[in-house]
Amino acid sequence: MNPSARRFITNPLYALLSLIVSLGLAWQCLALMDYGYGFWHDHAGIGENIDQYGPENRYRSGFEHTSREQRIRLFSEIVESVHHNGNGLEAIHYQADKPPASTSLSIPLLHRAELVHLQDVANLIHTLEISLAVLTVFWVLWSGLGLCRQWPLPNLKQQAISAIVLCIALTLLLALFGFEKVFYQLHIWIFPDNHQWFFYYQDSLMSTMMKAPDLFAYIGLTLGLLGVAFFIAQAMIIQSLKKIKTATKP
């Protein structure tokens, strides 16, 4: 295979790998910040969603009386649990202060179907993290060997073209089918057939406090923007290292 034909194949593959690694890094960063839940609680209608549907929940009571700080803590505990194999999910409780007597009750946040679903999510995250680690190691080796042996690694422009084509394809897919349909179809493909993953707000405080699927759309947008920033940064770093390597070549 001649060099031009080889680069026609390897450049998009390297760009795709770089984009995946960048999105993975962005994902881990957002997880450390609880995906910005406090911001979305205040600005994406989550607080109002809880006020409306909390009193209608068929399994739990008093959640509408929880504070903003408590909701942020609860979401943080969910994030912590699903990123650690589901450990601690059953221990997540909220304090419901019921007026007018202001009686404080400690109530489990999640019922059985929600626990099963979040355990499925935790298993999925574990698989994704292992896959991401393997891909990251492969990307580091590819980049490192490329720099050391002066392989023709794609520059920022070449990577950007490949990434833009991919993003356009994904955008067209979402525009064609709609975010919600794609979101739900992915759930059908990913999760076991006999495990519930769709919850009405009246049946799930988990869905209510996340205003699902809206919150995931906002998180996805944030993830994409941060991932693009990391993607550009890594391409610029690789390009700078290539120039340094070339300049120091005897």
Protein backbone atom coordinates (compact mmCIF):
# COMPACT_ATOMS: atom_id res chain seq x y z
CA MET A 1 0.00 0.00 0.00
CA ASN A 2 1.43 3.38 -0.97
CA PRO A 3 1.86 6.08 1.73
CA SER A 4 -1.04 8.23 0.49
CA ALA A 5 -3.48 5.34 0.56
CA ARG A 6 -2.23 4.30 4.00
CA ARG A 7 -2.73 7.82 5.40
CA PHE A 8 -6.23 7.89 3.87
CA ILE A 9 -7.05 5.01 6.23
CA THR A 10 -4.88 5.76 9.26
CA ASN A 11 -5.62 9.49 9.55
CA PRO A 12 -9.38 9.07 10.14
CA LEU A 13 -8.72 6.13 12.48
CA TYR A 14 -6.24 8.17 14.51
CA ALA A 15 -8.63 11.13 14.57
CA LEU A 16 -11.49 8.89 15.72
CA LEU A 17 -9.31 7.37 18.43
CA SER A 18 -8.18 10.84 19.54
CA LEU A 19 -11.79 12.01 19.68
CA ILE A 20 -12.86 9.00 21.74
CA VAL A 21 -10.00 9.53 24.19
CA SER A 22 -10.82 13.25 24.41
CA LEU A 23 -14.49 12.54 25.06
CA GLY A 24 -13.49 9.95 27.66
CA LEU A 25 -11.31 12.49 29.44
CA ALA A 26 -14.15 15.03 29.31
CA TRP A 27 -16.51 12.39 30.73
CA GLN A 28 -14.23 11.69 33.68
CA CYS A 29 -13.81 15.42 34.36
CA LEU A 30 -17.57 15.99 34.30
CA ALA A 31 -18.11 13.01 36.61
CA LEU A 32 -15.76 14.61 39.14
CA MET A 33 -17.99 17.70 39.01
CA ASP A 34 -21.20 15.63 39.28
CA TYR A 35 -21.98 16.62 35.70
CA GLY A 36 -22.81 20.17 36.81
CA TYR A 37 -26.04 19.02 38.44
CA GLY A 38 -26.32 22.09 40.66
CA PHE A 39 -26.28 24.37 37.62
CA TRP A 40 -28.82 22.31 35.71
CA HIS A 41 -31.03 22.05 38.80
CA ASP A 42 -31.31 25.83 38.82
CA HIS A 43 -31.39 26.56 35.10
CA ALA A 44 -32.96 23.55 33.36
CA GLY A 45 -36.25 23.35 35.23
CA ILE A 46 -35.26 20.45 37.47
CA GLY A 47 -36.31 22.22 40.66
CA GLU A 48 -39.70 23.00 39.14
CA ASN A 49 -40.00 19.41 37.92
CA ILE A 50 -39.49 18.14 41.46
CA ASP A 51 -42.03 20.63 42.82
CA GLN A 52 -44.60 19.42 40.27
CA TYR A 53 -44.09 15.66 40.29
CA GLY A 54 -42.66 15.04 43.76
CA PRO A 55 -46.10 15.13 45.42
CA GLU A 56 -47.47 12.73 42.77
CA ASN A 57 -44.91 9.96 43.37
CA ARG A 58 -46.59 6.61 44.02
CA TYR A 59 -43.72 5.07 46.01
CA ARG A 60 -42.14 7.89 48.00
CA SER A 61 -43.40 11.00 49.76
CA GLY A 62 -42.05 14.37 50.83
CA PHE A 63 -39.33 14.72 48.20
CA GLU A 64 -40.72 18.07 47.10
CA HIS A 65 -39.78 19.41 50.55
CA THR A 66 -36.07 18.59 50.15
CA SER A 67 -33.59 21.43 49.76
CA ARG A 68 -31.46 22.22 46.73
CA GLU A 69 -28.35 21.22 48.71
CA GLN A 70 -29.84 17.84 49.60
CA ARG A 71 -30.78 17.13 45.99
CA ILE A 72 -27.25 17.96 44.84
CA ARG A 73 -25.89 15.62 47.53
CA LEU A 74 -28.24 12.83 46.46
CA PHE A 75 -27.24 13.15 42.82
CA SER A 76 -23.57 13.17 43.86
CA GLU A 77 -24.11 9.94 45.79
CA ILE A 78 -25.73 8.35 42.74
CA VAL A 79 -22.78 9.41 40.56
CA GLU A 80 -20.33 8.08 43.13
CA SER A 81 -22.14 4.74 43.31
CA VAL A 82 -22.56 4.11 39.58
CA HIS A 83 -18.88 4.89 39.06
CA HIS A 84 -17.97 2.33 41.75
CA ASN A 85 -19.83 -0.78 40.57
CA GLY A 86 -23.12 0.27 42.17
CA ASN A 87 -21.79 0.15 45.71
CA GLY A 88 -23.86 2.28 48.08
CA LEU A 89 -27.01 2.67 45.98
CA GLU A 90 -29.26 1.10 48.60
CA ALA A 91 -27.83 3.38 51.29
CA ILE A 92 -28.93 6.61 49.58
CA HIS A 93 -31.63 8.25 51.72
CA TYR A 94 -33.25 11.66 51.75
CA GLN A 95 -34.59 13.63 54.68
CA ALA A 96 -38.18 14.72 54.13
CA ASP A 97 -39.33 17.52 56.41
CA LYS A 98 -43.10 17.42 56.20
CA PRO A 99 -44.97 20.57 57.10
CA PRO A 100 -46.68 21.75 59.20
CA ALA A 101 -45.20 19.61 61.98
CA SER A 102 -41.79 19.57 60.24
CA THR A 103 -41.34 15.90 61.06
CA SER A 104 -38.04 14.70 59.59
CA LEU A 105 -38.08 11.26 57.99
CA SER A 106 -35.17 9.33 56.48
CA ILE A 107 -36.51 7.66 53.34
CA PRO A 108 -34.69 5.43 50.80
CA LEU A 109 -34.45 7.38 47.55
CA LEU A 110 -34.62 4.40 45.19
CA HIS A 111 -37.11 1.55 44.94
CA ARG A 112 -36.21 -1.90 43.64
CA ALA A 113 -36.66 -1.28 39.89
CA GLU A 114 -34.56 1.89 40.12
CA LEU A 115 -31.83 0.03 41.99
CA VAL A 116 -31.76 -2.66 39.30
CA HIS A 117 -31.55 -0.05 36.55
CA LEU A 118 -28.77 1.92 38.21
CA GLN A 119 -26.84 -1.31 38.79
CA ASP A 120 -27.14 -1.92 35.04
CA VAL A 121 -25.82 1.61 34.49
CA ALA A 122 -22.93 0.91 36.87
CA ASN A 123 -22.07 -2.28 34.97
CA LEU A 124 -22.16 -0.36 31.69
CA ILE A 125 -19.92 2.38 33.07
CA HIS A 126 -17.44 -0.22 34.32
CA THR A 127 -17.28 -1.76 30.83
CA LEU A 128 -16.90 1.65 29.20
CA GLU A 129 -14.12 2.66 31.59
CA ILE A 130 -12.16 -0.52 30.85
CA SER A 131 -12.64 -0.01 27.11
CA LEU A 132 -11.60 3.63 27.41
CA ALA A 133 -8.48 2.67 29.35
CA VAL A 134 -7.47 0.18 26.64
CA LEU A 135 -8.10 2.72 23.87
CA THR A 136 -6.16 5.38 25.77
CA VAL A 137 -3.15 3.10 26.12
CA PHE A 138 -3.36 2.31 22.41
CA TRP A 139 -3.57 6.04 21.58
CA VAL A 140 -0.56 6.82 23.79
CA LEU A 141 1.47 4.05 22.14
CA TRP A 142 0.45 5.15 18.65
CA SER A 143 1.26 8.79 19.41
CA GLY A 144 4.50 7.98 21.21
CA LEU A 145 5.80 5.66 18.52
CA GLY A 146 4.70 8.11 15.87
CA LEU A 147 6.72 10.88 17.47
CA CYS A 148 9.76 8.71 18.17
CA ARG A 149 9.83 7.12 14.72
CA GLN A 150 8.53 10.21 12.94
CA TRP A 151 5.48 8.55 11.51
CA PRO A 152 3.22 10.96 9.60
CA LEU A 153 0.68 11.57 12.36
CA PRO A 154 -2.24 13.71 11.15
CA ASN A 155 -2.10 17.39 12.07
CA LEU A 156 -4.91 19.40 13.65
CA LYS A 157 -6.52 20.26 10.32
CA GLN A 158 -6.50 16.65 9.12
CA GLN A 159 -7.90 15.39 12.41
CA ALA A 160 -10.51 18.14 12.48
CA ILE A 161 -11.79 17.23 9.02
CA SER A 162 -12.30 13.61 10.06
CA ALA A 163 -13.92 14.64 13.35
CA ILE A 164 -16.22 17.15 11.64
CA VAL A 165 -17.42 14.53 9.17
CA LEU A 166 -18.22 12.20 12.08
CA CYS A 167 -19.98 14.96 14.04
CA ILE A 168 -22.05 15.94 11.00
CA ALA A 169 -23.10 12.32 10.56
CA LEU A 170 -24.14 12.07 14.23
CA THR A 171 -25.96 15.41 14.07
CA LEU A 172 -27.89 14.30 11.00
CA LEU A 173 -28.78 11.07 12.77
CA LEU A 174 -30.12 12.96 15.80
CA ALA A 175 -31.94 15.44 13.57
CA LEU A 176 -33.50 12.63 11.56
CA PHE A 177 -34.73 10.51 14.45
CA GLY A 178 -34.74 12.98 17.36
CA PHE A 179 -32.70 12.87 20.56
CA GLU A 180 -35.38 11.12 22.60
CA LYS A 181 -35.91 8.32 20.06
CA VAL A 182 -32.17 7.72 19.76
CA PHE A 183 -31.82 7.88 23.56
CA TYR A 184 -34.58 5.32 24.09
CA GLN A 185 -33.39 3.03 21.29
CA LEU A 186 -29.92 2.90 22.83
CA HIS A 187 -31.52 1.82 26.10
CA ILE A 188 -33.37 -0.97 24.28
CA TRP A 189 -30.13 -2.22 22.75
CA ILE A 190 -27.96 -1.88 25.85
CA PHE A 191 -30.03 -2.99 28.83
CA PRO A 192 -31.48 -6.46 29.55
CA ASP A 193 -34.96 -7.05 28.13
CA ASN A 194 -36.51 -7.88 31.50
CA HIS A 195 -35.05 -4.85 33.31
CA GLN A 196 -37.09 -1.68 33.50
CA TRP A 197 -35.29 1.43 32.23
CA PHE A 198 -38.18 3.77 31.44
CA PHE A 199 -39.82 5.43 34.44
CA TYR A 200 -42.65 7.93 34.55
CA TYR A 201 -42.00 10.84 36.87
CA GLN A 202 -44.86 9.68 39.10
CA ASP A 203 -43.09 6.33 39.56
CA SER A 204 -39.50 7.43 40.05
CA LEU A 205 -37.76 10.09 42.11
CA MET A 206 -34.64 9.19 40.14
CA SER A 207 -36.28 10.31 36.89
CA THR A 208 -37.94 13.28 38.55
CA MET A 209 -34.76 14.69 40.08
CA MET A 210 -32.92 14.23 36.77
CA LYS A 211 -35.82 15.47 34.62
CA ALA A 212 -34.93 12.58 32.33
CA PRO A 213 -34.13 12.64 29.49
CA ASP A 214 -33.59 16.42 29.45
CA LEU A 215 -30.65 16.37 31.87
CA PHE A 216 -28.83 13.83 29.71
CA ALA A 217 -29.20 16.07 26.66
CA TYR A 218 -27.58 18.95 28.57
CA ILE A 219 -24.84 16.69 29.88
CA GLY A 220 -24.27 15.34 26.37
CA LEU A 221 -23.93 18.88 25.00
CA THR A 222 -21.46 19.81 27.74
CA LEU A 223 -19.55 16.58 27.18
CA GLY A 224 -19.31 17.30 23.46
CA LEU A 225 -18.05 20.85 23.93
CA LEU A 226 -15.46 19.85 26.54
CA GLY A 227 -14.43 16.85 24.44
CA VAL A 228 -13.85 19.09 21.41
CA ALA A 229 -11.70 21.39 23.55
CA PHE A 230 -9.58 18.43 24.69
CA PHE A 231 -9.45 17.12 21.12
CA ILE A 232 -8.06 20.43 19.85
CA ALA A 233 -5.63 20.65 22.76
CA GLN A 234 -4.19 17.16 22.21
CA ALA A 235 -3.82 17.78 18.47
CA MET A 236 -1.97 21.04 19.12
CA ILE A 237 0.29 19.34 21.68
CA ILE A 238 1.12 16.49 19.29
CA GLN A 239 1.79 19.01 16.53
CA SER A 240 4.10 21.02 18.80
CA LEU A 241 5.98 17.89 19.87
CA LYS A 242 6.43 16.93 16.21
CA LYS A 243 7.98 20.33 15.51
CA ILE A 244 10.30 20.03 18.50
CA LYS A 245 11.31 16.53 17.43
CA THR A 246 12.02 17.75 13.89
CA ALA A 247 13.99 20.76 15.12
CA THR A 248 16.20 18.64 17.38
CA LYS A 249 16.85 15.99 14.74
CA PRO A 250 20.60 15.81 14.03
